[in-house]
Amino acid sequence: MNGRSVPGEADRDTLRRASLRVAVRISAACGVLVLCLLAAATVYLMNKLANPDLPGSSPAGKAYTYLDSKDLIEAMIIAGVTGVVLAGVVGWLSARSAIRPLGEALALQRRFVQDASHELRTPLAILDARIQLAQRDAEPDSTTGRALGRIRADTGTLTGIVNELLVAATGAAPDSTGEPTDLAAVAGSVAESLQDIAAQQDIRLTFSDAGRPEARIDPSPLRRAVLALAENALAHTPPGGRITISTAVERNQAAVYVADTGPGITGVDQARIFDRFVRTAAPDAPRGRRSFGIGLALVREIAAAAGGTVEVARSGPAGTTMKLLLPLARH
């Protein structure tokens, strides 16, 4: 055993905590209601005690029952506490019954991600082996050799993504004890892999290194984050434009910048573009709208998992600059 929780147990713990929260809220609501009723009953009782209806002032032959005010208040308090406890039990049982289908759906989702990720690993391993065989027959410095090298690097990236999905499906916490990652190396690799796509769109893509900051983040999610920022820039930069990917150290943080010469972000709050499938009004875009898909949302999730942030550094008619900030690795 490695001390990590089993996915099913982790899901059950999560659902159990959710049920408990619902039960506590129901109990709290019932408690407030009971306290209000007790307060109203107490005020009424005190008022009656202050102005008693004595038997001498009533018709003869009418029966009266006398209750001690202290005993009556104690009975009301006991009844109120019992009602709150019963409400909590009913709320707990109701919450568990209502959340059970959610647990089944979550388990089904985990199984699908695990099965899909596992099945993809073998074809990717075969593809990598075939690329290596092809590389043996090609000169490393030739056009074919360099192309095969890039294809193998892209295959390795895809394999890393599949492995991340498999780990995420197990519910294991990300490993933050790895070696620091050179942001310049990863960002430069992304710029190189997108050169062909940028050339096809008549866009100049360059990389500049104002420093070699290191962050404690796995290279695979970092590459995915930088790649998503660059792809977003490519999608919104017109032909003849320019995209620059750069790295630097900013206020004791490792920074990656992706700047483009597109039309800028308009028609939506800039912070909202990191939400999934945000669309903005843009007359020059297809159907008059621009979509940011899920790429930028994934960038925010990757940055948050590493203790960093992503934001729009600037945006206007001259272009947009995205900034990814990560905690600087300490040696």
C-alpha atoms as a PDB file:
ATOM      1  CA  MET A   1       0.000   0.000   0.000  1.00  0.00           C
ATOM      2  CA  ASN A   2       1.282   3.448  -0.873  1.00  0.00           C
ATOM      3  CA  GLY A   3      -0.991   5.396   1.458  1.00  0.00           C
ATOM      4  CA  ARG A   4      -3.095   6.867  -1.326  1.00  0.00           C
ATOM      5  CA  SER A   5      -6.852   6.653  -1.054  1.00  0.00           C
ATOM      6  CA  VAL A   6      -8.808   4.374  -3.340  1.00  0.00           C
ATOM      7  CA  PRO A   7     -10.949   6.377  -5.821  1.00  0.00           C
ATOM      8  CA  GLY A   8     -14.190   4.750  -4.630  1.00  0.00           C
ATOM      9  CA  GLU A   9     -13.386   5.515  -0.998  1.00  0.00           C
ATOM     10  CA  ALA A  10     -12.466   9.108  -1.860  1.00  0.00           C
ATOM     11  CA  ASP A  11     -15.773   9.528  -3.692  1.00  0.00           C
ATOM     12  CA  ARG A  12     -17.697   8.071  -0.773  1.00  0.00           C
ATOM     13  CA  ASP A  13     -15.937  10.419   1.628  1.00  0.00           C
ATOM     14  CA  THR A  14     -16.782  13.387  -0.585  1.00  0.00           C
ATOM     15  CA  LEU A  15     -20.439  12.387  -0.837  1.00  0.00           C
ATOM     16  CA  ARG A  16     -20.590  11.697   2.906  1.00  0.00           C
ATOM     17  CA  ARG A  17     -19.296  15.186   3.642  1.00  0.00           C
ATOM     18  CA  ALA A  18     -21.806  16.667   1.199  1.00  0.00           C
ATOM     19  CA  SER A  19     -24.645  14.782   2.904  1.00  0.00           C
ATOM     20  CA  LEU A  20     -23.444  16.000   6.289  1.00  0.00           C
ATOM     21  CA  ARG A  21     -23.398  19.611   5.080  1.00  0.00           C
ATOM     22  CA  VAL A  22     -26.979  19.298   3.808  1.00  0.00           C
ATOM     23  CA  ALA A  23     -28.103  17.741   7.100  1.00  0.00           C
ATOM     24  CA  VAL A  24     -26.382  20.493   9.103  1.00  0.00           C
ATOM     25  CA  ARG A  25     -28.080  23.175   7.015  1.00  0.00           C
ATOM     26  CA  ILE A  26     -31.482  21.539   7.493  1.00  0.00           C
ATOM     27  CA  SER A  27     -30.861  21.263  11.233  1.00  0.00           C
ATOM     28  CA  ALA A  28     -29.722  24.886  11.406  1.00  0.00           C
ATOM     29  CA  ALA A  29     -32.833  26.067   9.564  1.00  0.00           C
ATOM     30  CA  CYS A  30     -35.055  23.990  11.840  1.00  0.00           C
ATOM     31  CA  GLY A  31     -33.156  25.282  14.871  1.00  0.00           C
ATOM     32  CA  VAL A  32     -33.767  28.894  13.894  1.00  0.00           C
ATOM     33  CA  LEU A  33     -37.447  28.140  13.308  1.00  0.00           C
ATOM     34  CA  VAL A  34     -37.764  26.370  16.668  1.00  0.00           C
ATOM     35  CA  LEU A  35     -35.997  29.224  18.469  1.00  0.00           C
ATOM     36  CA  CYS A  36     -38.401  31.710  16.891  1.00  0.00           C
ATOM     37  CA  LEU A  37     -41.375  29.600  17.968  1.00  0.00           C
ATOM     38  CA  LEU A  38     -39.972  29.210  21.481  1.00  0.00           C
ATOM     39  CA  ALA A  39     -39.344  32.926  21.722  1.00  0.00           C
ATOM     40  CA  ALA A  40     -42.905  33.688  20.603  1.00  0.00           C
ATOM     41  CA  ALA A  41     -44.346  31.113  23.031  1.00  0.00           C
ATOM     42  CA  THR A  42     -42.219  32.487  25.887  1.00  0.00           C
ATOM     43  CA  VAL A  43     -43.343  36.061  25.211  1.00  0.00           C
ATOM     44  CA  TYR A  44     -46.950  34.899  25.145  1.00  0.00           C
ATOM     45  CA  LEU A  45     -46.485  32.943  28.390  1.00  0.00           C
ATOM     46  CA  MET A  46     -44.797  35.856  30.150  1.00  0.00           C
ATOM     47  CA  ASN A  47     -47.593  38.127  29.033  1.00  0.00           C
ATOM     48  CA  LYS A  48     -50.188  35.733  30.431  1.00  0.00           C
ATOM     49  CA  LEU A  49     -48.279  35.493  33.718  1.00  0.00           C
ATOM     50  CA  ALA A  50     -48.115  39.258  33.952  1.00  0.00           C
ATOM     51  CA  ASN A  51     -51.865  39.521  33.397  1.00  0.00           C
ATOM     52  CA  PRO A  52     -53.365  36.362  34.952  1.00  0.00           C
ATOM     53  CA  ASP A  53     -56.992  35.434  34.409  1.00  0.00           C
ATOM     54  CA  LEU A  54     -58.059  34.669  37.952  1.00  0.00           C
ATOM     55  CA  PRO A  55     -60.929  32.204  38.620  1.00  0.00           C
ATOM     56  CA  GLY A  56     -62.848  34.724  40.698  1.00  0.00           C
ATOM     57  CA  SER A  57     -63.469  36.914  37.665  1.00  0.00           C
ATOM     58  CA  SER A  58     -64.903  34.052  35.583  1.00  0.00           C
ATOM     59  CA  PRO A  59     -68.282  32.293  35.667  1.00  0.00           C
ATOM     60  CA  ALA A  60     -68.793  29.766  38.438  1.00  0.00           C
ATOM     61  CA  GLY A  61     -68.394  26.102  37.623  1.00  0.00           C
ATOM     62  CA  LYS A  62     -65.627  26.592  35.022  1.00  0.00           C
ATOM     63  CA  ALA A  63     -62.656  24.217  35.465  1.00  0.00           C
ATOM     64  CA  TYR A  64     -59.090  25.529  35.604  1.00  0.00           C
ATOM     65  CA  THR A  65     -55.709  23.808  35.258  1.00  0.00           C
ATOM     66  CA  TYR A  66     -52.632  25.431  36.762  1.00  0.00           C
ATOM     67  CA  LEU A  67     -49.172  24.876  35.179  1.00  0.00           C
ATOM     68  CA  ASP A  68     -45.836  25.916  36.578  1.00  0.00           C
ATOM     69  CA  SER A  69     -44.158  28.370  34.166  1.00  0.00           C
ATOM     70  CA  LYS A  70     -40.715  26.862  34.729  1.00  0.00           C
ATOM     71  CA  ASP A  71     -41.911  23.359  33.893  1.00  0.00           C
ATOM     72  CA  LEU A  72     -43.716  24.649  30.812  1.00  0.00           C
ATOM     73  CA  ILE A  73     -40.600  26.434  29.471  1.00  0.00           C
ATOM     74  CA  GLU A  74     -38.445  23.352  30.114  1.00  0.00           C
ATOM     75  CA  ALA A  75     -40.954  21.208  28.226  1.00  0.00           C
ATOM     76  CA  MET A  76     -40.867  23.587  25.280  1.00  0.00           C
ATOM     77  CA  ILE A  77     -37.059  23.555  25.206  1.00  0.00           C
ATOM     78  CA  ILE A  78     -36.928  19.748  25.307  1.00  0.00           C
ATOM     79  CA  ALA A  79     -39.518  19.545  22.544  1.00  0.00           C
ATOM     80  CA  GLY A  80     -37.553  22.056  20.461  1.00  0.00           C
ATOM     81  CA  VAL A  81     -34.225  20.224  20.843  1.00  0.00           C
ATOM     82  CA  THR A  82     -35.901  16.920  20.001  1.00  0.00           C
ATOM     83  CA  GLY A  83     -37.409  18.475  16.887  1.00  0.00           C
ATOM     84  CA  VAL A  84     -34.015  19.796  15.747  1.00  0.00           C
ATOM     85  CA  VAL A  85     -32.356  16.402  16.261  1.00  0.00           C
ATOM     86  CA  LEU A  86     -35.116  14.604  14.367  1.00  0.00           C
ATOM     87  CA  ALA A  87     -34.882  17.175  11.567  1.00  0.00           C
ATOM     88  CA  GLY A  88     -31.128  16.549  11.356  1.00  0.00           C
ATOM     89  CA  VAL A  89     -31.629  12.782  11.124  1.00  0.00           C
ATOM     90  CA  VAL A  90     -34.304  13.162   8.448  1.00  0.00           C
ATOM     91  CA  GLY A  91     -32.103  15.643   6.585  1.00  0.00           C
ATOM     92  CA  TRP A  92     -29.121  13.276   6.720  1.00  0.00           C
ATOM     93  CA  LEU A  93     -31.123  10.333   5.370  1.00  0.00           C
ATOM     94  CA  SER A  94     -32.768  12.489   2.693  1.00  0.00           C
ATOM     95  CA  ALA A  95     -29.442  13.985   1.592  1.00  0.00           C
ATOM     96  CA  ARG A  96     -27.804  10.554   1.302  1.00  0.00           C
ATOM     97  CA  SER A  97     -30.694   9.263  -0.764  1.00  0.00           C
ATOM     98  CA  ALA A  98     -30.636  12.317  -3.045  1.00  0.00           C
ATOM     99  CA  ILE A  99     -26.844  12.262  -3.536  1.00  0.00           C
ATOM    100  CA  ARG A 100     -26.567   8.518  -4.212  1.00  0.00           C
ATOM    101  CA  PRO A 101     -27.257   8.908  -7.992  1.00  0.00           C
ATOM    102  CA  LEU A 102     -24.521  11.552  -8.106  1.00  0.00           C
ATOM    103  CA  GLY A 103     -22.075   9.067  -6.583  1.00  0.00           C
ATOM    104  CA  GLU A 104     -22.976   6.458  -9.176  1.00  0.00           C
ATOM    105  CA  ALA A 105     -22.475   8.984 -11.986  1.00  0.00           C
ATOM    106  CA  LEU A 106     -19.114  10.035 -10.539  1.00  0.00           C
ATOM    107  CA  ALA A 107     -17.960   6.415 -10.327  1.00  0.00           C
ATOM    108  CA  LEU A 108     -19.056   5.809 -13.936  1.00  0.00           C
ATOM    109  CA  GLN A 109     -17.142   8.892 -15.080  1.00  0.00           C
ATOM    110  CA  ARG A 110     -13.985   7.749 -13.308  1.00  0.00           C
ATOM    111  CA  ARG A 111     -14.225   4.292 -14.866  1.00  0.00           C
ATOM    112  CA  PHE A 112     -14.627   5.794 -18.333  1.00  0.00           C
ATOM    113  CA  VAL A 113     -11.577   8.061 -17.939  1.00  0.00           C
ATOM    114  CA  GLN A 114      -9.516   5.197 -16.514  1.00  0.00           C
ATOM    115  CA  ASP A 115     -10.500   2.777 -19.285  1.00  0.00           C
ATOM    116  CA  ALA A 116      -9.999   5.323 -22.077  1.00  0.00           C
ATOM    117  CA  SER A 117      -6.637   6.468 -20.732  1.00  0.00           C
ATOM    118  CA  HIS A 118      -5.415   2.911 -20.250  1.00  0.00           C
ATOM    119  CA  GLU A 119      -6.472   1.822 -23.747  1.00  0.00           C
ATOM    120  CA  LEU A 120      -4.734   4.826 -25.347  1.00  0.00           C
ATOM    121  CA  ARG A 121      -1.356   4.099 -23.754  1.00  0.00           C
ATOM    122  CA  THR A 122      -0.627   1.013 -25.868  1.00  0.00           C
ATOM    123  CA  PRO A 123      -1.305   2.629 -29.291  1.00  0.00           C
ATOM    124  CA  LEU A 124       0.815   5.610 -28.271  1.00  0.00           C
ATOM    125  CA  ALA A 125       3.666   3.325 -27.198  1.00  0.00           C
ATOM    126  CA  ILE A 126       3.466   1.512 -30.552  1.00  0.00           C
ATOM    127  CA  LEU A 127       3.440   4.839 -32.412  1.00  0.00           C
ATOM    128  CA  ASP A 128       6.504   6.024 -30.498  1.00  0.00           C
ATOM    129  CA  ALA A 129       8.330   2.770 -31.313  1.00  0.00           C
ATOM    130  CA  ARG A 130       7.554   3.134 -35.023  1.00  0.00           C
ATOM    131  CA  ILE A 131       8.795   6.717 -35.015  1.00  0.00           C
ATOM    132  CA  GLN A 132      12.051   5.571 -33.453  1.00  0.00           C
ATOM    133  CA  LEU A 133      12.441   2.957 -36.172  1.00  0.00           C
ATOM    134  CA  ALA A 134      11.856   5.598 -38.828  1.00  0.00           C
ATOM    135  CA  GLN A 135      14.414   7.885 -37.171  1.00  0.00           C
ATOM    136  CA  ARG A 136      17.111   5.218 -37.605  1.00  0.00           C
ATOM    137  CA  ASP A 137      16.784   5.504 -41.389  1.00  0.00           C
ATOM    138  CA  ALA A 138      16.824   9.301 -41.428  1.00  0.00           C
ATOM    139  CA  GLU A 139      19.715  11.689 -40.860  1.00  0.00           C
ATOM    140  CA  PRO A 140      19.167  13.635 -37.617  1.00  0.00           C
ATOM    141  CA  ASP A 141      19.958  16.969 -39.313  1.00  0.00           C
ATOM    142  CA  SER A 142      17.813  16.319 -42.373  1.00  0.00           C
ATOM    143  CA  THR A 143      14.327  17.729 -42.888  1.00  0.00           C
ATOM    144  CA  THR A 144      12.823  14.279 -42.370  1.00  0.00           C
ATOM    145  CA  GLY A 145      14.884  13.658 -39.240  1.00  0.00           C
ATOM    146  CA  ARG A 146      13.849  16.979 -37.680  1.00  0.00           C
ATOM    147  CA  ALA A 147      10.204  16.365 -38.592  1.00  0.00           C
ATOM    148  CA  LEU A 148      10.305  12.912 -37.013  1.00  0.00           C
ATOM    149  CA  GLY A 149      11.884  14.400 -33.899  1.00  0.00           C
ATOM    150  CA  ARG A 150       9.047  16.905 -33.571  1.00  0.00           C
ATOM    151  CA  ILE A 151       6.461  14.190 -34.153  1.00  0.00           C
ATOM    152  CA  ARG A 152       8.026  12.070 -31.434  1.00  0.00           C
ATOM    153  CA  ALA A 153       8.036  15.047 -29.055  1.00  0.00           C
ATOM    154  CA  ASP A 154       4.343  15.630 -29.773  1.00  0.00           C
ATOM    155  CA  THR A 155       3.669  11.933 -29.178  1.00  0.00           C
ATOM    156  CA  GLY A 156       5.455  12.188 -25.840  1.00  0.00           C
ATOM    157  CA  THR A 157       3.279  15.160 -24.922  1.00  0.00           C
ATOM    158  CA  LEU A 158       0.144  13.222 -25.780  1.00  0.00           C
ATOM    159  CA  THR A 159       1.376  10.270 -23.729  1.00  0.00           C
ATOM    160  CA  GLY A 160       1.951  12.606 -20.789  1.00  0.00           C
ATOM    161  CA  ILE A 161      -1.602  13.951 -21.084  1.00  0.00           C
ATOM    162  CA  VAL A 162      -3.009  10.419 -21.111  1.00  0.00           C
ATOM    163  CA  ASN A 163      -0.959   9.539 -18.030  1.00  0.00           C
ATOM    164  CA  GLU A 164      -2.217  12.674 -16.272  1.00  0.00           C
ATOM    165  CA  LEU A 165      -5.798  11.704 -17.024  1.00  0.00           C
ATOM    166  CA  LEU A 166      -5.164   8.249 -15.631  1.00  0.00           C
ATOM    167  CA  VAL A 167      -3.642   9.649 -12.434  1.00  0.00           C
ATOM    168  CA  ALA A 168      -6.449  12.205 -12.072  1.00  0.00           C
ATOM    169  CA  ALA A 169      -9.041   9.433 -12.426  1.00  0.00           C
ATOM    170  CA  THR A 170      -7.493   7.583  -9.485  1.00  0.00           C
ATOM    171  CA  GLY A 171      -8.108  10.601  -7.247  1.00  0.00           C
ATOM    172  CA  ALA A 172      -4.429  10.861  -6.306  1.00  0.00           C
ATOM    173  CA  ALA A 173      -3.072  14.248  -5.329  1.00  0.00           C
ATOM    174  CA  PRO A 174      -0.617  15.799  -7.794  1.00  0.00           C
ATOM    175  CA  ASP A 175       3.033  15.253  -6.958  1.00  0.00           C
ATOM    176  CA  SER A 176       4.618  18.604  -6.089  1.00  0.00           C
ATOM    177  CA  THR A 177       7.998  17.189  -5.029  1.00  0.00           C
ATOM    178  CA  GLY A 178       9.453  16.832  -8.515  1.00  0.00           C
ATOM    179  CA  GLU A 179      12.427  18.659  -9.966  1.00  0.00           C
ATOM    180  CA  PRO A 180      12.005  22.310 -11.005  1.00  0.00           C
ATOM    181  CA  THR A 181      11.012  22.833 -14.642  1.00  0.00           C
ATOM    182  CA  ASP A 182      12.804  25.233 -16.961  1.00  0.00           C
ATOM    183  CA  LEU A 183      10.042  27.469 -18.334  1.00  0.00           C
ATOM    184  CA  ALA A 184      12.199  28.685 -21.218  1.00  0.00           C
ATOM    185  CA  ALA A 185      12.823  25.134 -22.429  1.00  0.00           C
ATOM    186  CA  VAL A 186       9.127  24.258 -22.376  1.00  0.00           C
ATOM    187  CA  ALA A 187       7.964  27.536 -23.924  1.00  0.00           C
ATOM    188  CA  GLY A 188      10.639  27.312 -26.614  1.00  0.00           C
ATOM    189  CA  SER A 189       9.530  23.774 -27.426  1.00  0.00           C
ATOM    190  CA  VAL A 190       5.935  24.962 -27.816  1.00  0.00           C
ATOM    191  CA  ALA A 191       7.004  27.767 -30.132  1.00  0.00           C
ATOM    192  CA  GLU A 192       8.979  25.330 -32.268  1.00  0.00           C
ATOM    193  CA  SER A 193       6.119  22.839 -32.523  1.00  0.00           C
ATOM    194  CA  LEU A 194       3.688  25.536 -33.701  1.00  0.00           C
ATOM    195  CA  GLN A 195       5.940  27.007 -36.382  1.00  0.00           C
ATOM    196  CA  ASP A 196       4.323  25.048 -39.227  1.00  0.00           C
ATOM    197  CA  ILE A 197       0.788  25.989 -38.186  1.00  0.00           C
ATOM    198  CA  ALA A 198       1.771  29.647 -37.805  1.00  0.00           C
ATOM    199  CA  ALA A 199       3.430  29.647 -41.237  1.00  0.00           C
ATOM    200  CA  GLN A 200       0.297  28.206 -42.841  1.00  0.00           C
ATOM    201  CA  GLN A 201      -1.704  31.106 -41.362  1.00  0.00           C
ATOM    202  CA  ASP A 202       0.936  33.651 -42.466  1.00  0.00           C
ATOM    203  CA  ILE A 203       1.710  34.503 -38.835  1.00  0.00           C
ATOM    204  CA  ARG A 204       5.199  35.074 -37.495  1.00  0.00           C
ATOM    205  CA  LEU A 205       5.770  33.131 -34.261  1.00  0.00           C
ATOM    206  CA  THR A 206       8.888  33.912 -32.233  1.00  0.00           C
ATOM    207  CA  PHE A 207      10.298  33.016 -28.832  1.00  0.00           C
ATOM    208  CA  SER A 208      12.404  35.255 -26.626  1.00  0.00           C
ATOM    209  CA  ASP A 209      14.097  34.388 -23.360  1.00  0.00           C
ATOM    210  CA  ALA A 210      14.579  37.243 -20.913  1.00  0.00           C
ATOM    211  CA  GLY A 211      15.709  34.754 -18.283  1.00  0.00           C
ATOM    212  CA  ARG A 212      15.512  31.069 -17.499  1.00  0.00           C
ATOM    213  CA  PRO A 213      13.093  30.938 -14.567  1.00  0.00           C
ATOM    214  CA  GLU A 214      12.292  27.599 -12.997  1.00  0.00           C
ATOM    215  CA  ALA A 215       9.006  26.594 -11.391  1.00  0.00           C
ATOM    216  CA  ARG A 216       8.046  23.495  -9.440  1.00  0.00           C
ATOM    217  CA  ILE A 217       5.520  22.149 -11.905  1.00  0.00           C
ATOM    218  CA  ASP A 218       5.485  19.049 -14.081  1.00  0.00           C
ATOM    219  CA  PRO A 219       6.611  19.806 -17.658  1.00  0.00           C
ATOM    220  CA  SER A 220       3.555  18.120 -19.209  1.00  0.00           C
ATOM    221  CA  PRO A 221       0.827  20.370 -17.709  1.00  0.00           C
ATOM    222  CA  LEU A 222       3.081  23.403 -18.182  1.00  0.00           C
ATOM    223  CA  ARG A 223       3.441  22.580 -21.888  1.00  0.00           C
ATOM    224  CA  ARG A 224      -0.331  22.154 -22.159  1.00  0.00           C
ATOM    225  CA  ALA A 225      -0.888  25.560 -20.551  1.00  0.00           C
ATOM    226  CA  VAL A 226       1.577  27.395 -22.786  1.00  0.00           C
ATOM    227  CA  LEU A 227       0.269  25.530 -25.831  1.00  0.00           C
ATOM    228  CA  ALA A 228      -3.320  26.550 -25.015  1.00  0.00           C
ATOM    229  CA  LEU A 229      -2.290  30.206 -24.684  1.00  0.00           C
ATOM    230  CA  ALA A 230      -0.415  30.059 -27.994  1.00  0.00           C
ATOM    231  CA  GLU A 231      -3.294  28.314 -29.790  1.00  0.00           C
ATOM    232  CA  ASN A 232      -5.687  30.971 -28.500  1.00  0.00           C
ATOM    233  CA  ALA A 233      -3.371  33.647 -29.879  1.00  0.00           C
ATOM    234  CA  LEU A 234      -3.194  31.872 -33.246  1.00  0.00           C
ATOM    235  CA  ALA A 235      -6.986  31.682 -33.401  1.00  0.00           C
ATOM    236  CA  HIS A 236      -7.366  35.429 -32.892  1.00  0.00           C
ATOM    237  CA  THR A 237      -4.418  36.813 -34.862  1.00  0.00           C
ATOM    238  CA  PRO A 238      -5.058  37.811 -38.501  1.00  0.00           C
ATOM    239  CA  PRO A 239      -2.711  36.829 -41.370  1.00  0.00           C
ATOM    240  CA  GLY A 240       0.425  38.947 -41.390  1.00  0.00           C
ATOM    241  CA  GLY A 241       0.332  39.251 -37.615  1.00  0.00           C
ATOM    242  CA  ARG A 242       2.921  38.319 -35.030  1.00  0.00           C
ATOM    243  CA  ILE A 243       2.924  36.195 -31.861  1.00  0.00           C
ATOM    244  CA  THR A 244       5.699  36.300 -29.287  1.00  0.00           C
ATOM    245  CA  ILE A 245       6.209  33.773 -26.500  1.00  0.00           C
ATOM    246  CA  SER A 246       8.630  34.859 -23.794  1.00  0.00           C
ATOM    247  CA  THR A 247       9.719  33.960 -20.278  1.00  0.00           C
ATOM    248  CA  ALA A 248      10.977  36.167 -17.462  1.00  0.00           C
ATOM    249  CA  VAL A 249      11.148  36.593 -13.698  1.00  0.00           C
ATOM    250  CA  GLU A 250       8.575  39.024 -12.337  1.00  0.00           C
ATOM    251  CA  ARG A 251       8.325  39.933  -8.643  1.00  0.00           C
ATOM    252  CA  ASN A 252       9.919  36.674  -7.501  1.00  0.00           C
ATOM    253  CA  GLN A 253       7.620  34.686  -9.780  1.00  0.00           C
ATOM    254  CA  ALA A 254       8.295  32.744 -12.960  1.00  0.00           C
ATOM    255  CA  ALA A 255       6.363  34.281 -15.850  1.00  0.00           C
ATOM    256  CA  VAL A 256       5.398  33.158 -19.337  1.00  0.00           C
ATOM    257  CA  TYR A 257       4.023  35.782 -21.723  1.00  0.00           C
ATOM    258  CA  VAL A 258       2.116  35.128 -24.938  1.00  0.00           C
ATOM    259  CA  ALA A 259       1.575  38.325 -26.939  1.00  0.00           C
ATOM    260  CA  ASP A 260      -0.279  38.690 -30.236  1.00  0.00           C
ATOM    261  CA  THR A 261      -1.206  41.473 -32.638  1.00  0.00           C
ATOM    262  CA  GLY A 262      -4.882  40.566 -32.880  1.00  0.00           C
ATOM    263  CA  PRO A 263      -7.848  42.928 -32.466  1.00  0.00           C
ATOM    264  CA  GLY A 264      -7.946  42.573 -28.675  1.00  0.00           C
ATOM    265  CA  ILE A 265     -10.685  41.360 -26.348  1.00  0.00           C
ATOM    266  CA  THR A 266     -13.973  43.240 -26.608  1.00  0.00           C
ATOM    267  CA  GLY A 267     -17.571  42.615 -25.642  1.00  0.00           C
ATOM    268  CA  VAL A 268     -16.834  40.636 -22.460  1.00  0.00           C
ATOM    269  CA  ASP A 269     -15.146  41.090 -19.103  1.00  0.00           C
ATOM    270  CA  GLN A 270     -11.521  40.056 -19.569  1.00  0.00           C
ATOM    271  CA  ALA A 271     -11.618  37.898 -16.428  1.00  0.00           C
ATOM    272  CA  ARG A 272     -14.491  35.856 -17.896  1.00  0.00           C
ATOM    273  CA  ILE A 273     -12.493  34.592 -20.859  1.00  0.00           C
ATOM    274  CA  PHE A 274     -11.037  31.983 -18.503  1.00  0.00           C
ATOM    275  CA  ASP A 275     -14.522  30.496 -18.064  1.00  0.00           C
ATOM    276  CA  ARG A 276     -15.503  27.582 -20.277  1.00  0.00           C
ATOM    277  CA  PHE A 277     -16.999  28.336 -23.697  1.00  0.00           C
ATOM    278  CA  VAL A 278     -17.195  32.094 -23.251  1.00  0.00           C
ATOM    279  CA  ARG A 279     -18.349  33.911 -26.388  1.00  0.00           C
ATOM    280  CA  THR A 280     -17.844  37.573 -27.194  1.00  0.00           C
ATOM    281  CA  ALA A 281     -19.400  39.832 -29.756  1.00  0.00           C
ATOM    282  CA  ALA A 282     -17.026  40.440 -32.686  1.00  0.00           C
ATOM    283  CA  PRO A 283     -18.408  41.693 -36.009  1.00  0.00           C
ATOM    284  CA  ASP A 284     -15.397  40.431 -37.966  1.00  0.00           C
ATOM    285  CA  ALA A 285     -15.616  36.881 -36.568  1.00  0.00           C
ATOM    286  CA  PRO A 286     -17.754  34.064 -38.002  1.00  0.00           C
ATOM    287  CA  ARG A 287     -21.420  34.580 -37.042  1.00  0.00           C
ATOM    288  CA  GLY A 288     -20.348  37.772 -35.275  1.00  0.00           C
ATOM    289  CA  ARG A 289     -18.976  36.009 -32.195  1.00  0.00           C
ATOM    290  CA  ARG A 290     -15.635  34.808 -30.855  1.00  0.00           C
ATOM    291  CA  SER A 291     -15.369  31.694 -28.741  1.00  0.00           C
ATOM    292  CA  PHE A 292     -12.580  30.992 -26.259  1.00  0.00           C
ATOM    293  CA  GLY A 293     -13.566  27.306 -25.813  1.00  0.00           C
ATOM    294  CA  ILE A 294     -12.106  25.443 -22.841  1.00  0.00           C
ATOM    295  CA  GLY A 295      -8.393  25.999 -23.503  1.00  0.00           C
ATOM    296  CA  LEU A 296      -8.063  29.086 -21.315  1.00  0.00           C
ATOM    297  CA  ALA A 297     -10.183  27.468 -18.588  1.00  0.00           C
ATOM    298  CA  LEU A 298      -7.722  24.562 -18.515  1.00  0.00           C
ATOM    299  CA  VAL A 299      -4.830  27.030 -18.284  1.00  0.00           C
ATOM    300  CA  ARG A 300      -6.397  28.576 -15.192  1.00  0.00           C
ATOM    301  CA  GLU A 301      -6.913  25.139 -13.622  1.00  0.00           C
ATOM    302  CA  ILE A 302      -3.300  24.130 -14.326  1.00  0.00           C
ATOM    303  CA  ALA A 303      -1.998  27.415 -12.921  1.00  0.00           C
ATOM    304  CA  ALA A 304      -4.154  27.159  -9.793  1.00  0.00           C
ATOM    305  CA  ALA A 305      -3.039  23.554  -9.169  1.00  0.00           C
ATOM    306  CA  ALA A 306       0.589  24.742  -9.235  1.00  0.00           C
ATOM    307  CA  GLY A 307      -0.124  27.710  -6.961  1.00  0.00           C
ATOM    308  CA  GLY A 308      -0.017  30.270  -9.777  1.00  0.00           C
ATOM    309  CA  THR A 309      -2.341  32.505 -11.769  1.00  0.00           C
ATOM    310  CA  VAL A 310      -3.116  33.457 -15.348  1.00  0.00           C
ATOM    311  CA  GLU A 311      -4.413  36.833 -16.410  1.00  0.00           C
ATOM    312  CA  VAL A 312      -4.736  39.288 -19.274  1.00  0.00           C
ATOM    313  CA  ALA A 313      -1.735  41.587 -18.942  1.00  0.00           C
ATOM    314  CA  ARG A 314      -3.061  43.966 -21.598  1.00  0.00           C
ATOM    315  CA  SER A 315      -5.564  43.995 -24.432  1.00  0.00           C
ATOM    316  CA  GLY A 316      -6.440  46.555 -27.059  1.00  0.00           C
ATOM    317  CA  PRO A 317      -6.513  47.255 -30.799  1.00  0.00           C
ATOM    318  CA  ALA A 318      -2.760  46.618 -30.939  1.00  0.00           C
ATOM    319  CA  GLY A 319      -3.083  43.108 -29.528  1.00  0.00           C
ATOM    320  CA  THR A 320      -3.397  41.037 -26.391  1.00  0.00           C
ATOM    321  CA  THR A 321      -0.817  39.745 -23.935  1.00  0.00           C
ATOM    322  CA  MET A 322      -1.554  36.795 -21.655  1.00  0.00           C
ATOM    323  CA  LYS A 323       0.564  36.296 -18.549  1.00  0.00           C
ATOM    324  CA  LEU A 324       1.054  32.990 -16.745  1.00  0.00           C
ATOM    325  CA  LEU A 325       2.627  33.353 -13.309  1.00  0.00           C
ATOM    326  CA  LEU A 326       4.006  30.433 -11.293  1.00  0.00           C
ATOM    327  CA  PRO A 327       5.847  30.274  -7.970  1.00  0.00           C
ATOM    328  CA  LEU A 328       9.567  30.509  -8.544  1.00  0.00           C
ATOM    329  CA  ALA A 329      11.416  27.322  -7.597  1.00  0.00           C
ATOM    330  CA  ARG A 330      13.797  27.727  -4.675  1.00  0.00           C
ATOM    331  CA  HIS A 331      17.057  25.801  -4.775  1.00  0.00           C
END
